[in-house]
Amino acid sequence: MSAVAREKGALDVVAVYYPHWHKYPKGTEWFGEKWDEGEWAFVRTAVPRYPGHRVPIQPLPGYLNGRDPKDVATEIALASNAGIDVFLYDYYYYGGKVTQEEAIEEGFLKAENRQLMKFALMWCYHDRRDQFRPPVDRKDRRLLMRLERTPEEFLGLIDLSIKRYFGRPEYWRKDGKLFFSIFGGWDFIPSLGKDAAARALKEARRRVAAAGLGEIHFNVQGLRPDQHDLAREVGFDSMTDYNVVPQPGPDSLMSYEDQMKASRERWAQHAKGSLPYMPVVTTGWDCSARCALDAKRPWHAAGYPYVGIVTNSTPEKFERLLRDAKAYVENDPKGVNAVYINAWNEYTECPGLLPTVQDGDAWLRAVKRVFKGTALTGAVSVDVTRPG
């Protein structure tokens, strides 16, 4: 069944799509020509940070350009063949201005096979700062774009989404409702204030309905398990987490087994809340490609990206966690009936799912086995001879 023909009530598999693998105007303004390929430059030049660290990542399909519809068509083919239904795009909107939107508008929405997938927006509710190989001995990060943190900012994005995205047949409707997620709920509600945030969501619903687009499902990411009632009172329909990361050890390292345990515990805590919770399954956590090449561990208290690194993640362990997430969804009567994967392609924070020289397509095969109950077919070929 294609994503376009999803049945109401079907379990959806949603993967984060990080749109930072192409040239865009602000990137050139901030970083010059070295930013023409986005963060691929960091992926290419990543260095091992511990014995056995499997970097740099080498993608089998090549270093795909996120604004090239042919390259995105490759991603869509791979993802949909493995059973992924939705790309949830990180979206950067500041004072009426957006960046990196080319990945959606020139890449995804012009891909010839886009009917195989849905897409949706996740508003990244944070300032845009230069987190790309900053000095390890400085916590301050250059401000690139400032988030206004006002109801007007939020409603401006809703208006833009009504104009550009919500009416598209490819936009994901979960059980008939447009799905819109906000990353950074811990900041969104306090910065606007509970009452103002509630009024903003209510007004957004009114604008969507007035545009003839029906209802909208608001999801919030990153709130604590004891904040369900707060989120519900503001007007959110569901909750999730972008990632679940355990406390690193004194050497700045942590194991994937610890991350699996922390994830299961987090899901169980959220299961007691009043809102549906979408369990997140991660392929890992490793921001070291964004760290200065000469930085030495341990780097505690240096500020992001100098955070813990998850070691020994494998497709087999990832598959076990996917199965647990699927069981969680199937046994949660109030659930949003979707599993959230972090990530499809945020390679400078976690391994991602794109086939690589190191692992082949093992990560995608894990997804396919869990959610489709079948082995990954050979219907989608990967040209390993494609130049990087």
Protein backbone atom coordinates (compact mmCIF):
# COMPACT_ATOMS: atom_id res chain seq x y z
CA MET A 1 0.00 0.00 0.00
CA SER A 2 1.45 3.37 -0.97
CA ALA A 3 1.59 6.21 1.52
CA VAL A 4 -0.99 8.08 -0.56
CA ALA A 5 -3.51 5.28 -0.13
CA ARG A 6 -3.02 4.73 3.59
CA GLU A 7 -6.05 3.36 5.40
CA LYS A 8 -7.44 5.27 8.36
CA GLY A 9 -6.07 3.72 11.53
CA ALA A 10 -3.02 2.15 9.83
CA LEU A 11 0.28 2.19 11.71
CA ASP A 12 2.58 4.76 10.10
CA VAL A 13 6.37 4.75 10.11
CA VAL A 14 7.74 8.31 10.30
CA ALA A 15 11.40 9.20 9.79
CA VAL A 16 13.12 12.52 10.51
CA TYR A 17 14.44 14.18 7.35
CA TYR A 18 17.22 16.66 8.03
CA PRO A 19 17.36 19.12 5.08
CA HIS A 20 20.98 20.20 5.24
CA TRP A 21 22.57 18.40 2.32
CA HIS A 22 22.41 21.06 -0.39
CA LYS A 23 23.44 24.59 -1.26
CA TYR A 24 21.11 27.35 -0.04
CA PRO A 25 21.43 31.16 0.16
CA LYS A 26 21.83 31.53 3.91
CA GLY A 27 24.42 28.77 4.03
CA THR A 28 26.50 30.62 1.45
CA GLU A 29 26.06 33.86 3.39
CA TRP A 30 27.18 32.27 6.65
CA PHE A 31 29.94 29.93 5.51
CA GLY A 32 30.84 30.68 1.90
CA GLU A 33 31.47 28.13 -0.82
CA LYS A 34 32.63 25.46 1.63
CA TRP A 35 28.93 25.10 2.52
CA ASP A 36 27.80 24.37 -1.05
CA GLU A 37 27.12 20.72 -0.20
CA GLY A 38 25.71 21.37 3.26
CA GLU A 39 27.07 19.09 5.96
CA TRP A 40 28.46 16.47 3.62
CA ALA A 41 31.80 18.21 4.13
CA PHE A 42 31.65 17.20 7.81
CA VAL A 43 30.58 13.65 7.01
CA ARG A 44 33.46 13.23 4.56
CA THR A 45 36.09 14.52 6.98
CA ALA A 46 34.88 13.03 10.28
CA VAL A 47 37.64 11.39 12.32
CA PRO A 48 37.44 8.45 14.76
CA ARG A 49 36.96 9.48 18.39
CA TYR A 50 37.40 6.07 20.06
CA PRO A 51 38.76 2.64 19.05
CA GLY A 52 36.41 1.03 16.56
CA HIS A 53 34.58 4.27 15.70
CA ARG A 54 33.18 3.63 12.21
CA VAL A 55 33.64 6.97 10.52
CA PRO A 56 33.59 8.57 8.07
CA ILE A 57 30.22 7.30 6.82
CA GLN A 58 30.32 6.43 3.13
CA PRO A 59 26.85 6.41 1.52
CA LEU A 60 26.41 3.84 -1.23
CA PRO A 61 24.16 6.04 -3.42
CA GLY A 62 26.69 8.85 -3.22
CA TYR A 63 26.52 12.18 -1.40
CA LEU A 64 22.93 12.96 -2.35
CA ASN A 65 21.87 16.54 -3.00
CA GLY A 66 18.72 17.25 -0.98
CA ARG A 67 17.38 19.81 -3.46
CA ASP A 68 17.88 17.60 -6.53
CA PRO A 69 14.61 15.78 -7.34
CA LYS A 70 16.49 12.87 -8.89
CA ASP A 71 18.53 12.35 -5.75
CA VAL A 72 15.46 12.70 -3.53
CA ALA A 73 13.66 10.20 -5.78
CA THR A 74 16.41 7.74 -4.84
CA GLU A 75 15.74 8.40 -1.17
CA ILE A 76 11.99 8.03 -1.63
CA ALA A 77 12.43 4.74 -3.47
CA LEU A 78 14.71 3.34 -0.77
CA ALA A 79 12.57 4.54 2.13
CA SER A 80 9.20 3.49 0.73
CA ASN A 81 10.53 0.10 -0.32
CA ALA A 82 11.60 -0.47 3.28
CA GLY A 83 8.19 0.49 4.70
CA ILE A 84 8.75 4.11 5.71
CA ASP A 85 5.60 6.13 5.08
CA VAL A 86 6.50 9.71 6.02
CA PHE A 87 9.48 12.04 5.92
CA LEU A 88 9.10 14.52 8.79
CA TYR A 89 11.14 17.52 7.66
CA ASP A 90 13.02 19.72 10.09
CA TYR A 91 11.72 23.19 9.23
CA TYR A 92 13.53 26.46 10.01
CA TYR A 93 11.34 29.57 10.15
CA TYR A 94 12.52 32.85 11.68
CA GLY A 95 10.63 36.14 11.54
CA GLY A 96 8.84 35.24 8.33
CA LYS A 97 11.98 33.85 6.69
CA VAL A 98 12.78 30.23 6.00
CA THR A 99 16.00 28.40 5.22
CA GLN A 100 16.70 25.00 3.68
CA GLU A 101 13.15 24.77 2.31
CA GLU A 102 14.61 23.83 -1.08
CA ALA A 103 14.80 20.25 0.17
CA ILE A 104 11.00 20.12 0.20
CA GLU A 105 10.09 22.45 -2.62
CA GLU A 106 12.77 21.58 -5.18
CA GLY A 107 13.65 18.09 -3.97
CA PHE A 108 10.71 16.17 -2.56
CA LEU A 109 7.83 17.94 -4.30
CA LYS A 110 9.49 17.64 -7.71
CA ALA A 111 10.59 14.03 -7.33
CA GLU A 112 8.85 11.91 -9.95
CA ASN A 113 7.97 9.18 -7.43
CA ARG A 114 6.77 11.46 -4.62
CA GLN A 115 3.39 9.68 -4.62
CA LEU A 116 5.11 6.82 -2.77
CA MET A 117 5.65 8.94 0.37
CA LYS A 118 4.05 11.58 2.52
CA PHE A 119 5.84 14.51 4.12
CA ALA A 120 5.07 16.73 7.11
CA LEU A 121 6.67 19.64 8.96
CA MET A 122 8.47 19.73 12.28
CA TRP A 123 9.12 23.32 13.33
CA CYS A 124 12.56 23.56 14.93
CA TYR A 125 11.76 25.89 17.82
CA HIS A 126 15.21 27.21 18.61
CA ASP A 127 17.65 29.89 17.52
CA ARG A 128 19.88 29.01 14.61
CA ARG A 129 23.48 28.96 15.84
CA ASP A 130 26.82 27.96 14.41
CA GLN A 131 27.28 24.53 15.96
CA PHE A 132 29.66 23.32 13.29
CA ARG A 133 33.10 22.50 14.70
CA PRO A 134 33.24 25.35 17.21
CA PRO A 135 36.23 25.63 19.56
CA VAL A 136 35.94 23.11 22.39
CA ASP A 137 37.00 25.69 24.97
CA ARG A 138 34.16 28.14 24.20
CA LYS A 139 30.48 27.65 25.00
CA ASP A 140 29.19 30.68 23.11
CA ARG A 141 28.03 29.98 19.57
CA ARG A 142 27.60 32.53 16.79
CA LEU A 143 23.95 33.48 16.35
CA LEU A 144 22.82 32.97 12.75
CA MET A 145 19.05 33.56 12.99
CA ARG A 146 16.98 34.40 16.03
CA LEU A 147 13.61 32.84 16.74
CA GLU A 148 11.08 35.52 17.69
CA ARG A 149 9.18 33.28 20.16
CA THR A 150 5.82 35.01 19.73
CA PRO A 151 2.33 33.83 18.76
CA GLU A 152 2.71 35.91 15.61
CA GLU A 153 5.81 33.91 14.63
CA PHE A 154 3.90 30.65 15.03
CA LEU A 155 0.84 31.87 13.16
CA GLY A 156 3.03 33.24 10.39
CA LEU A 157 4.41 29.75 9.86
CA ILE A 158 0.89 28.32 9.88
CA ASP A 159 -0.15 30.83 7.21
CA LEU A 160 2.89 29.94 5.12
CA SER A 161 2.13 26.23 5.54
CA ILE A 162 -1.47 26.77 4.45
CA LYS A 163 -0.21 28.53 1.34
CA ARG A 164 2.65 26.20 0.43
CA TYR A 165 2.16 22.79 1.98
CA PHE A 166 -1.07 21.83 3.76
CA GLY A 167 -3.10 21.65 0.55
CA ARG A 168 -0.65 19.32 -1.16
CA PRO A 169 -1.84 15.75 -1.71
CA GLU A 170 1.56 14.57 -0.46
CA TYR A 171 1.15 16.23 2.94
CA TRP A 172 0.62 13.66 5.69
CA ARG A 173 -2.78 13.50 7.31
CA LYS A 174 -2.84 11.24 10.34
CA ASP A 175 -6.34 9.77 10.49
CA GLY A 176 -7.56 12.58 8.28
CA LYS A 177 -5.87 15.44 10.17
CA LEU A 178 -2.85 17.43 8.97
CA PHE A 179 0.13 16.49 11.14
CA PHE A 180 2.31 19.35 12.39
CA SER A 181 5.02 18.86 15.03
CA ILE A 182 6.92 21.34 17.20
CA PHE A 183 10.41 20.43 18.35
CA GLY A 184 11.30 22.17 21.59
CA GLY A 185 8.12 22.01 23.61
CA TRP A 186 10.15 22.78 26.73
CA ASP A 187 10.70 26.26 25.25
CA PHE A 188 7.54 26.79 23.18
CA ILE A 189 5.06 26.74 26.06
CA PRO A 190 7.10 28.76 28.63
CA SER A 191 8.30 31.36 26.11
CA LEU A 192 4.78 32.10 24.85
CA GLY A 193 3.05 31.42 28.15
CA LYS A 194 0.46 28.70 28.63
CA ASP A 195 -2.59 30.85 27.84
CA ALA A 196 -1.03 32.57 24.82
CA ALA A 197 0.17 29.25 23.46
CA ALA A 198 -3.33 27.81 23.83
CA ARG A 199 -4.86 30.78 22.02
CA ALA A 200 -2.27 30.47 19.23
CA LEU A 201 -3.05 26.79 18.62
CA LYS A 202 -6.77 27.52 18.67
CA GLU A 203 -6.35 30.33 16.14
CA ALA A 204 -4.19 28.09 13.97
CA ARG A 205 -6.96 25.50 13.90
CA ARG A 206 -9.43 28.20 12.89
CA ARG A 207 -7.20 29.37 10.03
CA VAL A 208 -6.68 25.87 8.72
CA ALA A 209 -10.42 25.19 8.78
CA ALA A 210 -11.21 28.55 7.18
CA ALA A 211 -8.85 27.65 4.33
CA GLY A 212 -10.96 24.58 3.66
CA LEU A 213 -8.22 22.21 4.79
CA GLY A 214 -10.11 20.45 7.59
CA GLU A 215 -8.50 19.68 10.94
CA ILE A 216 -4.92 19.73 12.15
CA HIS A 217 -3.13 17.41 14.58
CA PHE A 218 -0.59 19.25 16.74
CA ASN A 219 2.28 17.16 18.08
CA VAL A 220 4.85 18.43 20.59
CA GLN A 221 8.34 17.05 21.15
CA GLY A 222 10.54 17.04 24.21
CA LEU A 223 8.15 17.57 27.11
CA ARG A 224 8.56 15.48 30.25
CA PRO A 225 6.27 12.52 30.95
CA ASP A 226 4.68 14.50 33.81
CA GLN A 227 3.66 17.32 31.44
CA HIS A 228 0.91 15.54 29.51
CA ASP A 229 -1.87 17.51 31.16
CA LEU A 230 -0.07 20.79 30.42
CA ALA A 231 0.31 19.84 26.77
CA ARG A 232 -3.34 18.80 26.55
CA GLU A 233 -4.53 22.05 28.13
CA VAL A 234 -2.49 24.06 25.63
CA GLY A 235 -4.17 22.13 22.81
CA PHE A 236 -1.65 19.55 21.67
CA ASP A 237 -2.99 16.25 20.39
CA SER A 238 0.04 14.02 20.97
CA MET A 239 3.59 13.95 22.27
CA THR A 240 6.91 12.40 21.29
CA ASP A 241 10.66 12.83 21.78
CA TYR A 242 13.24 13.68 19.12
CA ASN A 243 15.66 11.27 20.74
CA VAL A 244 16.27 9.57 24.06
CA VAL A 245 19.89 9.85 25.13
CA PRO A 246 21.24 8.30 28.34
CA GLN A 247 23.79 9.95 30.60
CA PRO A 248 27.29 9.54 29.14
CA GLY A 249 30.10 8.05 31.16
CA PRO A 250 33.20 9.93 32.32
CA ASP A 251 34.82 9.22 28.95
CA SER A 252 31.91 10.90 27.07
CA LEU A 253 30.79 7.50 25.75
CA MET A 254 27.65 5.43 26.30
CA SER A 255 26.41 2.16 24.87
CA TYR A 256 23.51 1.57 22.50
CA GLU A 257 22.19 -0.98 25.02
CA ASP A 258 21.88 1.87 27.54
CA GLN A 259 20.07 3.94 24.92
CA MET A 260 17.66 1.08 24.24
CA LYS A 261 16.94 0.75 27.96
CA ALA A 262 16.44 4.50 28.36
CA SER A 263 14.07 4.54 25.38
CA ARG A 264 11.88 1.76 26.76
CA GLU A 265 11.75 3.46 30.15
CA ARG A 266 10.78 6.76 28.54
CA TRP A 267 7.96 5.14 26.56
CA ALA A 268 6.64 3.45 29.70
CA GLN A 269 6.59 6.75 31.58
CA HIS A 270 4.71 8.48 28.75
CA ALA A 271 2.22 5.61 28.53
CA LYS A 272 0.84 6.77 31.90
CA GLY A 273 0.05 10.26 30.56
CA SER A 274 -3.22 11.65 29.26
CA LEU A 275 -2.12 12.22 25.64
CA PRO A 276 -1.11 9.74 22.96
CA TYR A 277 2.65 9.22 22.71
CA MET A 278 4.57 8.29 19.56
CA PRO A 279 7.60 6.18 20.58
CA VAL A 280 10.89 7.26 19.07
CA VAL A 281 13.46 4.72 17.93
CA THR A 282 16.92 6.01 17.22
CA THR A 283 19.78 4.64 15.17
CA GLY A 284 22.15 6.14 17.73
CA TRP A 285 23.61 9.47 18.82
CA ASP A 286 26.93 10.79 17.59
CA CYS A 287 27.56 14.50 17.01
CA SER A 288 31.31 14.17 16.78
CA ALA A 289 31.39 15.05 13.07
CA ARG A 290 30.36 18.55 14.16
CA CYS A 291 33.19 18.73 16.70
CA ALA A 292 36.58 20.30 16.05
CA LEU A 293 38.89 17.72 14.50
CA ASP A 294 41.55 18.24 17.17
CA ALA A 295 39.12 18.12 20.14
CA LYS A 296 39.93 15.38 22.64
CA ARG A 297 37.55 13.43 24.84
CA PRO A 298 36.29 13.70 27.48
CA TRP A 299 34.64 17.00 26.63
CA HIS A 300 32.01 17.35 29.32
CA ALA A 301 30.58 20.83 29.94
CA ALA A 302 31.85 22.13 26.60
CA GLY A 303 28.32 22.56 25.24
CA TYR A 304 26.74 21.06 22.13
CA PRO A 305 28.05 19.43 19.92
CA TYR A 306 30.49 18.22 22.57
CA VAL A 307 28.07 15.69 24.05
CA GLY A 308 28.07 11.96 24.67
CA ILE A 309 28.61 9.46 21.85
CA VAL A 310 26.60 6.25 21.61
CA THR A 311 28.81 3.29 20.72
CA ASN A 312 28.16 -0.19 19.33
CA SER A 313 24.81 0.48 17.65
CA THR A 314 23.98 -2.19 15.06
CA PRO A 315 21.08 -2.91 12.70
CA GLU A 316 20.26 -6.02 14.75
CA LYS A 317 19.86 -4.07 18.00
CA PHE A 318 17.97 -1.34 16.16
CA GLU A 319 15.56 -3.99 14.86
CA ARG A 320 14.87 -5.23 18.40
CA LEU A 321 14.04 -1.71 19.50
CA LEU A 322 11.79 -1.22 16.46
CA ARG A 323 9.88 -4.37 17.41
CA ASP A 324 9.43 -3.09 20.94
CA ALA A 325 8.13 0.25 19.61
CA LYS A 326 5.69 -1.51 17.31
CA ALA A 327 4.39 -3.60 20.22
CA TYR A 328 4.06 -0.44 22.31
CA VAL A 329 1.90 1.18 19.64
CA GLU A 330 -0.23 -1.91 19.09
CA ASN A 331 -0.94 -2.20 22.83
CA ASP A 332 -1.63 1.49 23.52
CA PRO A 333 -5.38 2.20 23.03
CA LYS A 334 -4.90 5.97 23.09
CA GLY A 335 -1.77 6.02 20.92
CA VAL A 336 -1.16 8.06 17.80
CA ASN A 337 -0.51 4.72 16.03
CA ALA A 338 2.82 5.69 14.56
CA VAL A 339 6.48 4.89 15.21
CA TYR A 340 9.00 7.71 14.94
CA ILE A 341 12.52 6.96 13.67
CA ASN A 342 15.45 9.29 14.28
CA ALA A 343 16.68 9.59 11.66
CA TRP A 344 16.60 9.04 7.94
CA ASN A 345 19.56 11.29 7.23
CA GLU A 346 20.87 13.32 10.15
CA TYR A 347 24.29 11.80 9.68
CA THR A 348 26.10 14.37 11.82
CA GLU A 349 23.99 13.37 14.86
CA CYS A 350 23.31 9.68 14.30
CA PRO A 351 24.01 6.99 11.68
CA GLY A 352 20.80 7.35 9.68
CA LEU A 353 19.25 4.76 7.37
CA LEU A 354 20.78 5.43 3.97
CA PRO A 355 22.76 2.40 2.73
CA THR A 356 26.48 2.72 3.41
CA VAL A 357 29.70 1.00 2.47
CA GLN A 358 30.02 -0.11 6.10
CA ASP A 359 26.58 -1.69 6.58
CA GLY A 360 25.00 -1.97 3.14
CA ASP A 361 21.23 -1.67 3.44
CA ALA A 362 21.01 -3.57 6.75
CA TRP A 363 19.27 -0.71 8.57
CA LEU A 364 16.54 -0.55 5.92
CA ARG A 365 16.14 -4.31 5.97
CA ALA A 366 15.48 -4.10 9.71
CA VAL A 367 12.67 -1.59 9.13
CA LYS A 368 11.16 -3.74 6.38
CA ARG A 369 11.15 -6.92 8.47
CA VAL A 370 9.49 -5.23 11.44
CA PHE A 371 6.77 -3.22 9.70
CA LYS A 372 6.11 -5.17 6.51
CA GLY A 373 6.93 -8.65 7.71
CA THR A 374 8.95 -9.39 4.59
CA ALA A 375 12.52 -9.24 3.45
CA LEU A 376 13.72 -6.19 1.55
CA THR A 377 13.31 -6.87 -2.15
CA GLY A 378 15.74 -6.01 -4.89
CA ALA A 379 13.25 -3.69 -6.57
CA VAL A 380 15.32 -0.63 -5.72
CA SER A 381 18.87 -0.75 -7.02
CA VAL A 382 21.73 1.26 -5.62
CA ASP A 383 24.46 2.18 -8.06
CA VAL A 384 27.56 1.71 -5.95
CA THR A 385 29.75 3.01 -8.75
CA ARG A 386 28.13 6.45 -8.63
CA PRO A 387 30.83 9.07 -7.97
CA GLY A 388 30.67 10.86 -4.63
